[in-house]
Structure formats: structure tokens, C-alpha cells
N, C-alpha and C. Protein backbone atom coordinates (compact mmCIF):
# COMPACT_ATOMS: atom_id res chain seq x y z
N UNK A 1 64.63 113.62 123.56
CA UNK A 1 64.87 115.13 123.28
C UNK A 1 65.95 115.31 124.65
N UNK A 2 66.95 116.02 124.38
CA UNK A 2 67.66 116.49 125.37
C UNK A 2 67.01 117.38 126.73
N UNK A 3 67.47 116.75 127.73
CA UNK A 3 66.82 118.08 128.60
C UNK A 3 67.76 118.75 129.35
N UNK A 4 67.64 120.18 129.66
CA UNK A 4 68.13 121.05 130.38
C UNK A 4 68.26 120.87 131.51
N UNK A 5 69.20 120.89 132.34
CA UNK A 5 69.33 121.21 133.85
C UNK A 5 70.44 122.38 133.99
N UNK A 6 69.50 123.00 135.22
CA UNK A 6 70.15 124.26 135.58
C UNK A 6 71.65 124.26 136.09
N UNK A 7 72.46 125.04 135.74
CA UNK A 7 73.65 124.95 136.39
C UNK A 7 73.99 125.38 137.58
N UNK A 8 75.22 124.99 138.37
CA UNK A 8 75.55 125.49 139.42
C UNK A 8 75.96 127.06 139.29
N UNK A 9 76.52 127.79 140.43
CA UNK A 9 76.79 129.44 139.86
C UNK A 9 78.39 129.25 139.78
N UNK A 10 79.42 127.96 139.80
CA UNK A 10 80.55 128.05 139.08
C UNK A 10 80.48 127.78 137.96
N UNK A 11 79.68 126.64 137.71
CA UNK A 11 79.38 126.17 136.16
C UNK A 11 79.42 127.44 135.29
N UNK A 12 78.02 127.80 135.85
CA UNK A 12 77.33 129.02 134.97
C UNK A 12 78.50 130.11 134.64
N UNK A 13 79.18 130.59 135.48
CA UNK A 13 80.56 131.66 135.48
C UNK A 13 81.17 131.23 134.32
N UNK A 14 81.70 129.77 134.57
CA UNK A 14 82.64 129.14 133.76
C UNK A 14 82.30 129.21 132.14
N UNK A 15 81.03 128.81 131.81
CA UNK A 15 80.06 128.63 130.58
C UNK A 15 80.04 130.26 129.96
N UNK A 16 79.69 131.31 130.74
CA UNK A 16 79.60 132.46 130.12
C UNK A 16 80.70 132.99 129.56
N UNK A 17 81.90 132.67 130.49
CA UNK A 17 83.45 133.09 130.23
C UNK A 17 83.88 132.72 128.88
N UNK A 18 83.27 131.60 128.73
CA UNK A 18 83.70 130.54 127.53
C UNK A 18 82.96 130.81 126.20
N UNK A 19 81.69 131.55 126.32
CA UNK A 19 80.41 131.43 125.57
C UNK A 19 81.21 131.89 124.39
N UNK A 20 81.97 133.01 124.29
CA UNK A 20 82.31 133.30 123.02
C UNK A 20 83.13 132.49 122.08
N UNK A 21 83.84 131.92 122.92
CA UNK A 21 84.58 130.82 122.29
C UNK A 21 83.96 129.45 121.80
N UNK A 22 83.00 129.06 122.64
CA UNK A 22 82.53 127.74 122.13
C UNK A 22 81.21 127.87 121.79
N UNK A 23 80.39 128.55 121.70
CA UNK A 23 78.81 129.00 121.68
C UNK A 23 77.93 128.62 122.50
N UNK A 24 78.32 128.03 123.76
CA UNK A 24 77.60 127.29 124.73
C UNK A 24 76.62 128.05 125.39
N UNK A 25 75.18 127.53 125.58
CA UNK A 25 74.26 128.24 126.60
C UNK A 25 74.79 128.33 127.83
N UNK A 26 73.86 128.59 128.71
CA UNK A 26 74.24 128.70 129.98
C UNK A 26 73.45 127.33 130.74
N UNK A 27 73.11 126.36 129.83
CA UNK A 27 72.57 124.99 130.64
C UNK A 27 73.31 123.73 130.01
N UNK A 28 73.78 123.00 130.68
CA UNK A 28 74.14 121.69 130.50
C UNK A 28 73.33 120.80 129.92
N UNK A 29 73.51 119.93 128.61
CA UNK A 29 72.21 119.15 127.75
C UNK A 29 72.88 117.83 128.32
N UNK A 30 71.77 116.87 128.86
CA UNK A 30 72.38 115.40 128.63
C UNK A 30 71.41 115.02 127.58
N UNK A 31 72.06 114.04 126.78
CA UNK A 31 71.13 113.52 125.85
C UNK A 31 70.43 112.07 126.00
N UNK A 32 69.40 112.23 126.37
CA UNK A 32 68.90 110.89 126.44
C UNK A 32 67.81 110.30 125.65
N UNK A 33 68.23 109.23 124.88
CA UNK A 33 67.17 108.63 124.01
C UNK A 33 65.90 107.39 124.72
N UNK A 34 65.04 107.86 124.88
CA UNK A 34 63.91 106.84 125.10
C UNK A 34 63.32 106.17 123.94
N UNK A 35 63.78 104.45 123.38
CA UNK A 35 63.18 103.78 122.49
C UNK A 35 61.93 103.10 123.23
N UNK A 36 60.73 103.32 122.79
CA UNK A 36 59.55 102.73 123.35
C UNK A 36 59.90 101.67 122.77
N UNK A 37 59.02 100.07 123.53
CA UNK A 37 59.30 98.70 123.27
C UNK A 37 58.50 98.44 122.13
N UNK A 38 58.87 98.70 120.94
CA UNK A 38 57.81 98.55 119.86
C UNK A 38 58.76 98.24 118.56
N UNK A 39 58.12 97.99 117.52
CA UNK A 39 59.23 97.73 116.51
C UNK A 39 59.89 98.71 115.60
N UNK A 40 59.08 99.99 116.29
CA UNK A 40 60.15 101.00 115.36
C UNK A 40 61.24 101.25 115.70
N UNK A 41 61.98 101.90 115.06
CA UNK A 41 63.69 102.15 115.49
C UNK A 41 63.95 103.70 114.97
N UNK A 42 65.10 103.96 115.72
CA UNK A 42 65.16 105.45 116.23
C UNK A 42 66.42 105.52 114.77
N UNK A 43 66.43 106.51 113.96
CA UNK A 43 67.72 106.68 112.89
C UNK A 43 68.12 107.63 113.11
N UNK A 44 69.54 107.85 112.81
CA UNK A 44 69.88 109.61 112.98
C UNK A 44 70.86 109.54 111.86
N UNK A 45 70.85 110.78 110.89
CA UNK A 45 71.74 111.10 109.90
C UNK A 45 72.84 111.81 110.25
N UNK A 46 73.97 111.55 110.12
CA UNK A 46 75.39 112.13 110.29
C UNK A 46 76.04 112.39 108.99
N UNK A 47 76.52 113.92 108.77
CA UNK A 47 77.04 113.97 107.70
C UNK A 47 78.49 113.76 107.95
N UNK A 48 79.21 113.31 107.03
CA UNK A 48 80.51 113.14 107.20
C UNK A 48 81.29 113.65 106.22
N UNK A 49 82.48 114.62 106.66
CA UNK A 49 83.24 115.29 105.49
C UNK A 49 84.65 114.40 105.81
N UNK A 50 85.09 113.58 104.60
CA UNK A 50 86.59 113.17 104.76
C UNK A 50 87.50 114.20 103.83
N UNK A 51 88.40 113.88 104.14
CA UNK A 51 89.67 114.84 103.16
C UNK A 51 90.84 113.60 103.01
N UNK A 52 91.02 113.34 101.75
CA UNK A 52 91.59 112.21 101.21
C UNK A 52 92.43 112.81 100.32
N UNK A 53 93.67 112.30 100.66
CA UNK A 53 94.90 112.82 99.60
C UNK A 53 95.42 111.78 99.01
N UNK A 54 95.08 112.07 97.43
CA UNK A 54 94.99 111.01 96.43
C UNK A 54 96.22 111.34 95.38
N UNK A 55 96.81 112.23 95.65
CA UNK A 55 98.37 112.68 95.17
C UNK A 55 99.35 111.48 95.33
N UNK A 56 100.09 110.59 94.25
CA UNK A 56 101.00 110.21 93.91
C UNK A 56 102.55 110.48 95.03
N UNK A 57 102.70 109.10 95.74
CA UNK A 57 103.70 109.71 96.80
C UNK A 57 105.00 108.68 95.92
N UNK A 58 106.10 109.29 95.94
CA UNK A 58 107.41 108.51 95.65
C UNK A 58 107.80 107.74 96.60
N UNK A 59 107.92 106.57 97.29
CA UNK A 59 108.44 105.93 98.27
C UNK A 59 109.72 105.50 97.82
N UNK A 60 110.35 105.53 96.55
CA UNK A 60 111.20 105.00 96.30
C UNK A 60 111.39 103.47 95.84
N UNK A 61 112.41 103.20 95.68
CA UNK A 61 112.76 101.94 95.04
C UNK A 61 111.84 100.63 96.03
N UNK A 62 111.11 99.74 95.03
CA UNK A 62 110.49 98.49 96.13
C UNK A 62 111.51 97.79 96.58
N UNK A 63 111.86 97.24 97.95
CA UNK A 63 112.97 96.66 98.22
C UNK A 63 112.33 95.03 97.54
N UNK A 64 111.27 94.72 97.40
CA UNK A 64 110.74 93.38 97.54
C UNK A 64 110.53 92.98 95.62
N UNK A 65 111.04 93.81 95.05
CA UNK A 65 111.07 93.96 93.38
C UNK A 65 111.73 92.38 92.98
N UNK A 66 112.84 92.12 93.50
CA UNK A 66 113.43 91.03 92.90
C UNK A 66 112.97 89.76 93.41
N UNK A 67 112.23 89.56 94.40
CA UNK A 67 111.54 88.65 95.03
C UNK A 67 110.39 88.41 94.19
N UNK A 68 109.76 89.48 93.85
CA UNK A 68 108.39 89.43 93.00
C UNK A 68 108.62 88.76 91.55
N UNK A 69 109.73 89.72 90.93
CA UNK A 69 110.32 88.87 89.63
C UNK A 69 110.43 87.54 89.64
N UNK A 70 111.21 87.10 90.65
CA UNK A 70 111.66 85.63 90.80
C UNK A 70 110.45 84.73 91.11
N UNK A 71 109.39 85.24 91.94
CA UNK A 71 108.00 84.56 91.75
C UNK A 71 107.47 84.74 90.52
N UNK A 72 107.24 85.60 89.57
CA UNK A 72 106.71 85.35 88.57
C UNK A 72 107.56 84.69 87.40
N UNK A 73 108.94 84.62 87.43
CA UNK A 73 109.98 83.47 87.04
C UNK A 73 109.31 82.22 87.39
N UNK A 74 109.31 81.97 88.38
CA UNK A 74 109.31 80.76 88.75
C UNK A 74 107.83 79.96 88.13
N UNK A 75 106.91 80.99 88.55
CA UNK A 75 105.55 80.60 88.07
C UNK A 75 105.33 80.35 86.47
N UNK A 76 106.12 81.28 85.70
CA UNK A 76 105.86 80.89 84.31
C UNK A 76 106.68 79.88 84.12
N UNK A 77 107.69 79.33 84.43
CA UNK A 77 108.23 78.22 84.34
C UNK A 77 107.89 77.00 84.48
N UNK A 78 106.85 77.01 85.57
CA UNK A 78 105.95 75.90 85.79
C UNK A 78 106.95 74.69 86.46
N UNK A 79 107.33 74.86 87.49
CA UNK A 79 108.47 73.97 88.21
C UNK A 79 107.68 73.32 88.52
N UNK A 80 106.76 73.50 89.67
CA UNK A 80 106.11 72.62 90.46
C UNK A 80 105.16 71.23 89.53
N UNK A 81 104.47 72.04 88.61
CA UNK A 81 103.59 70.68 88.08
C UNK A 81 104.54 70.01 87.06
N UNK A 82 105.62 70.24 86.86
CA UNK A 82 106.56 69.71 86.00
C UNK A 82 107.42 68.48 86.98
N UNK A 83 107.68 68.94 87.99
CA UNK A 83 108.15 67.92 89.23
C UNK A 83 107.05 66.86 89.61
N UNK A 84 105.61 67.29 89.55
CA UNK A 84 104.52 66.28 89.99
C UNK A 84 104.63 65.44 88.90
N UNK A 85 104.61 65.90 87.62
CA UNK A 85 104.25 65.19 86.46
C UNK A 85 105.34 64.21 86.33
N UNK A 86 106.54 64.48 86.71
CA UNK A 86 107.80 63.51 86.47
C UNK A 86 108.00 62.95 87.40
N UNK A 87 107.39 62.76 88.56
CA UNK A 87 107.65 62.10 89.46
C UNK A 87 106.17 60.78 89.38
N UNK A 88 104.85 61.27 88.92
CA UNK A 88 104.15 60.67 88.34
C UNK A 88 104.44 59.44 87.40
N UNK A 89 105.34 59.89 86.46
CA UNK A 89 105.84 59.02 85.33
C UNK A 89 106.77 57.83 85.88
N UNK A 90 107.58 58.49 86.96
CA UNK A 90 108.75 57.46 87.48
C UNK A 90 107.81 56.30 88.26
N UNK A 91 107.04 56.66 89.09
CA UNK A 91 105.74 55.72 89.42
C UNK A 91 105.23 54.84 88.98
N UNK A 92 104.34 55.62 87.68
CA UNK A 92 103.80 54.62 86.71
C UNK A 92 104.93 53.60 86.09
N UNK A 93 106.15 54.02 85.82
CA UNK A 93 107.15 53.31 85.18
C UNK A 93 107.28 51.99 85.85
N UNK A 94 107.32 52.51 87.42
CA UNK A 94 108.20 51.44 88.58
C UNK A 94 106.82 49.73 88.86
N UNK A 95 105.87 50.83 88.92
CA UNK A 95 104.67 50.06 89.11
C UNK A 95 103.97 49.02 87.98
N UNK A 96 104.30 49.71 86.72
CA UNK A 96 103.82 48.71 85.74
C UNK A 96 104.99 47.62 85.33
N UNK A 97 106.31 48.04 85.40
CA UNK A 97 107.47 47.10 85.27
C UNK A 97 107.40 45.88 86.36
N UNK A 98 107.37 46.56 87.87
CA UNK A 98 106.75 45.47 88.99
C UNK A 98 105.50 44.57 88.78
N UNK A 99 104.78 45.12 88.05
CA UNK A 99 103.42 44.29 87.61
C UNK A 99 103.43 43.19 86.32
N UNK A 100 104.62 43.88 85.75
CA UNK A 100 104.68 42.84 84.42
C UNK A 100 105.81 41.62 84.44
N UNK A 101 106.66 41.76 86.27
CA UNK A 101 107.31 41.03 86.29
C UNK A 101 106.95 39.70 87.26
N UNK A 102 105.53 40.02 87.73
CA UNK A 102 104.76 39.04 88.47
C UNK A 102 104.58 37.76 87.72
N UNK A 103 104.93 36.77 88.20
CA UNK A 103 104.62 35.24 87.92
C UNK A 103 103.18 35.20 87.82
N UNK A 104 102.52 35.54 88.64
CA UNK A 104 100.94 35.07 88.87
C UNK A 104 100.33 36.42 89.77
N UNK A 105 99.67 37.55 89.34
CA UNK A 105 99.14 38.67 89.64
C UNK A 105 98.03 38.30 90.22
N UNK A 106 97.77 38.63 91.23
CA UNK A 106 96.49 38.56 92.30
C UNK A 106 95.77 39.91 91.43
N UNK A 107 93.79 39.49 92.13
CA UNK A 107 93.06 40.81 91.88
C UNK A 107 93.52 42.10 92.26
N UNK A 108 94.24 42.03 93.73
CA UNK A 108 94.44 43.28 94.40
C UNK A 108 95.74 43.92 93.76
N UNK A 109 96.43 43.13 93.33
CA UNK A 109 97.88 43.94 92.36
C UNK A 109 97.46 44.38 91.16
N UNK A 110 96.42 43.83 90.50
CA UNK A 110 95.78 44.28 89.11
C UNK A 110 95.04 45.58 89.42
N UNK A 111 94.38 45.53 90.71
CA UNK A 111 93.43 46.94 90.88
C UNK A 111 94.52 48.01 91.40
N UNK A 112 95.90 47.52 92.03
CA UNK A 112 96.66 48.64 92.28
C UNK A 112 97.30 49.43 91.04
N UNK A 113 97.68 48.47 89.98
CA UNK A 113 98.13 49.01 89.02
C UNK A 113 97.14 49.57 88.11
N UNK A 114 95.86 49.45 88.08
CA UNK A 114 95.03 49.75 87.39
C UNK A 114 94.61 51.39 87.97
N UNK A 115 94.72 51.46 89.15
CA UNK A 115 94.42 52.67 89.82
C UNK A 115 95.72 53.66 89.47
N UNK A 116 97.10 53.47 89.61
CA UNK A 116 97.75 54.34 89.29
C UNK A 116 97.86 54.64 87.94
N UNK A 117 97.71 53.74 86.93
CA UNK A 117 97.59 53.94 85.57
C UNK A 117 96.28 54.86 85.39
N UNK A 118 95.34 54.70 86.07
CA UNK A 118 93.98 55.53 85.65
C UNK A 118 94.36 56.90 86.60
N UNK A 119 95.22 57.27 87.40
CA UNK A 119 95.31 58.44 87.87
C UNK A 119 96.24 59.47 86.86
N UNK A 120 96.67 58.45 86.20
CA UNK A 120 97.44 59.50 85.09
C UNK A 120 96.34 60.52 84.39
N UNK A 121 95.30 60.17 84.09
CA UNK A 121 94.41 60.83 83.39
C UNK A 121 94.54 62.22 84.18
N UNK A 122 93.64 62.08 85.38
CA UNK A 122 93.80 63.08 86.46
C UNK A 122 95.02 63.92 86.55
N UNK A 123 95.90 63.48 86.53
CA UNK A 123 97.25 64.15 86.43
C UNK A 123 97.57 65.14 85.17
N UNK A 124 97.19 64.38 84.28
CA UNK A 124 97.68 64.93 82.62
C UNK A 124 96.65 65.94 82.78
N UNK A 125 95.45 65.78 83.23
CA UNK A 125 94.01 66.75 83.22
C UNK A 125 94.63 68.04 83.66
N UNK A 126 95.46 67.64 84.94
CA UNK A 126 95.22 69.14 85.85
C UNK A 126 96.46 69.72 85.27
N UNK A 127 97.51 69.00 84.65
CA UNK A 127 98.50 69.45 84.41
C UNK A 127 98.26 70.72 83.07
N UNK A 128 97.74 70.08 82.18
CA UNK A 128 97.18 71.08 80.98
C UNK A 128 96.05 72.04 81.21
N UNK A 129 95.32 71.75 82.15
CA UNK A 129 94.27 72.54 82.51
C UNK A 129 94.67 73.79 83.18
N UNK A 130 96.05 73.85 84.12
CA UNK A 130 96.29 74.81 84.78
C UNK A 130 96.88 75.80 84.09
N UNK A 131 97.38 75.73 82.96
CA UNK A 131 98.06 76.64 82.08
C UNK A 131 96.86 77.59 81.53
N UNK A 132 95.57 77.16 81.16
CA UNK A 132 94.66 78.08 80.49
C UNK A 132 93.91 78.87 81.60
N UNK A 133 93.75 78.58 82.94
CA UNK A 133 93.63 79.47 83.82
C UNK A 133 94.44 80.44 84.05
N UNK A 134 95.96 80.31 84.25
CA UNK A 134 96.66 81.33 84.53
C UNK A 134 96.72 82.56 83.05
N UNK A 135 96.33 81.78 81.80
CA UNK A 135 96.67 83.13 80.96
C UNK A 135 95.56 84.02 80.69
N UNK A 136 94.33 83.38 81.51
CA UNK A 136 92.95 84.02 81.52
C UNK A 136 93.17 85.36 82.59
N UNK A 137 94.11 85.42 83.53
CA UNK A 137 94.10 86.35 84.33
C UNK A 137 94.98 87.63 83.80
N UNK A 138 95.68 87.34 83.03
CA UNK A 138 96.61 88.28 82.42
C UNK A 138 96.03 88.88 81.26
């Protein structure tokens, strides 16, 4: 609970003069909250009034509209997945041709080519599966 402290004569005169404007008493209040050492907590309810302006504001033309349009176009053209698939096809072609030209391939060389060929399934799965996810967002 707040405790009232008596005021000095100067403070009392100042408060009495401003009493009609502010509505203060002639006592100054200190708020002290003493919380006992227990599991109980102190809560305080506060009513908050907010004023929100929800009217639409015309801010003019968006200066980034052309960049946003370009980003949507690049995304719909799927440039990067097509570059990755093309790079993989070239890598696959060169590694298979290299392997077939070997006179006596070793086990390590066979493992390398089988990994490159097996990675094609993962690349193809990522390429075909990425379109379905982007269509769900729209």
C-alpha cells in the first residue's frame, strides 16, 4: 500500500495551488510493494486504450514493383533448377563416356560412376517435386 508522507510548507503550497488542475491531495505518495518470501505472486490489472488508424493510405506507386514482377517471372521460369539439371546431365554424360573408354576399370572407378548415375534419381526427384510445392502456395 502507498504510504503518505507529510509535505513541507513549500510543497504543500505548490500542490494546493495546482489542486484544481491535477486533483492531487496535499500528501505525496510513495508506492512500495512488499512481496513476502513465498510462492504467492502479485498481479496488477491495467486497462489499456489503443487508438488505431485503420484507414487505407495512398502511398503512391511502389518503387519496387518492377523488381517484384521480375522475381515472380524468374521464379515461374524455373531458371535455377533447369541450370542444375543441365549441369548434372553434362556431368553424367562425361563421366559415363570416361568410364566406358577405360580399358580395365577398377572397383573405385565403378563406384564413382554408380554414385554419379544414382544421384540422378535424387536430382530428378527434387526437380519434379519442387513444382508441386510452389503450386500449393497460390
